[in-house]
């Protein structure tokens, strides 16, 4: 049986279609969230959290936020959602197969 994971995608586009600045916003946001990890995970402090990853989708910088972050650390989830809302960024939801059983 395939397990699906819900993801929130924060796009580097404002609701009125403008590119969000600075250009490294996605890496900065993911860097701030790097401490939030699954129990027992490895990677150290110099890697992104598997729950908050910067990506480029269709040429636009985005941050993919795993919905499991909401249960792990509700205040961290609120922080990324508030960031998107405060900056009027486009949001979409996706469901992807989980890499874990």
Protein backbone atom coordinates (compact mmCIF):
# COMPACT_ATOMS: atom_id res chain seq x y z
CA UNK A 1 0.00 0.00 0.00
CA UNK A 2 1.36 3.41 -0.97
CA UNK A 3 1.35 6.08 1.69
CA UNK A 4 0.76 9.62 0.49
CA UNK A 5 2.23 12.72 2.08
CA UNK A 6 0.51 16.08 1.93
CA UNK A 7 2.74 19.01 1.01
CA UNK A 8 2.22 22.73 1.08
CA UNK A 9 4.12 24.54 -1.67
CA UNK A 10 4.98 28.19 -1.07
CA UNK A 11 5.68 29.74 -4.47
CA UNK A 12 8.05 32.66 -4.96
CA UNK A 13 5.25 34.58 -6.65
CA UNK A 14 2.97 37.05 -4.96
CA UNK A 15 -0.77 36.79 -5.44
CA UNK A 16 -0.54 39.59 -8.01
CA UNK A 17 2.08 37.63 -10.03
CA UNK A 18 5.28 39.44 -8.99
CA UNK A 19 8.47 37.48 -8.21
CA UNK A 20 9.22 37.55 -4.51
CA UNK A 21 12.53 39.07 -3.44
CA UNK A 22 15.24 38.60 -2.30
CA UNK A 23 16.13 35.89 -4.79
CA UNK A 24 17.45 33.57 -2.04
CA UNK A 25 14.31 33.77 0.10
CA UNK A 26 13.58 30.03 -0.26
CA UNK A 27 17.03 29.00 0.98
CA UNK A 28 16.80 31.47 3.86
CA UNK A 29 13.39 30.18 4.97
CA UNK A 30 14.48 26.54 4.68
CA UNK A 31 17.67 27.36 6.59
CA UNK A 32 15.71 28.85 9.49
CA UNK A 33 13.61 25.66 9.60
CA UNK A 34 16.59 23.24 9.36
CA UNK A 35 16.41 22.29 13.04
CA UNK A 36 13.02 20.59 12.65
CA UNK A 37 13.72 16.95 11.80
CA UNK A 38 12.27 13.50 12.40
CA UNK A 39 13.50 11.78 15.55
CA UNK A 40 16.78 9.97 14.96
CA UNK A 41 17.50 11.62 11.62
CA UNK A 42 21.04 12.37 10.54
CA UNK A 43 22.46 15.18 8.49
CA UNK A 44 23.60 17.64 11.09
CA UNK A 45 23.06 21.34 11.28
CA UNK A 46 24.37 22.09 7.79
CA UNK A 47 21.52 20.42 5.90
CA UNK A 48 17.89 21.36 5.33
CA UNK A 49 15.10 19.70 7.24
CA UNK A 50 13.36 16.99 5.20
CA UNK A 51 10.13 18.80 6.15
CA UNK A 52 11.04 22.19 4.60
CA UNK A 53 12.96 22.13 1.33
CA UNK A 54 13.79 24.84 -1.19
CA UNK A 55 13.08 23.78 -4.78
CA UNK A 56 12.65 25.32 -8.22
CA UNK A 57 9.34 24.50 -9.93
CA UNK A 58 8.72 25.75 -13.45
CA UNK A 59 11.56 28.25 -13.04
CA UNK A 60 10.15 29.71 -9.80
CA UNK A 61 11.83 29.36 -6.41
CA UNK A 62 9.53 27.58 -3.99
CA UNK A 63 9.58 25.97 -0.56
CA UNK A 64 7.92 22.58 -0.11
CA UNK A 65 6.61 22.07 3.42
CA UNK A 66 5.66 18.58 4.52
CA UNK A 67 2.35 18.58 6.42
CA UNK A 68 3.93 16.28 9.05
CA UNK A 69 5.72 19.39 10.35
CA UNK A 70 2.35 20.56 11.67
CA UNK A 71 2.22 17.60 14.09
CA UNK A 72 5.93 17.62 14.90
CA UNK A 73 6.14 21.33 15.70
CA UNK A 74 2.91 23.35 15.39
CA UNK A 75 4.68 26.69 15.95
CA UNK A 76 7.11 25.98 13.11
CA UNK A 77 4.15 25.17 10.84
CA UNK A 78 2.48 28.41 11.89
CA UNK A 79 5.69 30.32 11.19
CA UNK A 80 5.97 29.13 7.56
CA UNK A 81 2.25 29.64 6.94
CA UNK A 82 2.37 33.15 8.43
CA UNK A 83 5.45 33.92 6.30
CA UNK A 84 3.52 33.01 3.16
CA UNK A 85 0.41 34.91 4.23
CA UNK A 86 2.27 38.02 5.40
CA UNK A 87 4.16 38.21 2.10
CA UNK A 88 1.05 37.42 0.02
CA UNK A 89 2.70 34.42 -1.63
CA UNK A 90 0.90 31.89 -3.81
CA UNK A 91 0.23 28.56 -2.06
CA UNK A 92 -0.68 25.18 -3.51
CA UNK A 93 -1.21 21.75 -1.98
CA UNK A 94 0.24 18.50 -3.36
CA UNK A 95 0.08 14.85 -2.42
CA UNK A 96 3.15 12.72 -3.14
CA UNK A 97 4.12 9.11 -2.39
CA UNK A 98 6.04 8.81 0.87
CA UNK A 99 9.61 7.57 0.60
CA UNK A 100 9.04 5.61 3.82
CA UNK A 101 6.62 2.74 4.44
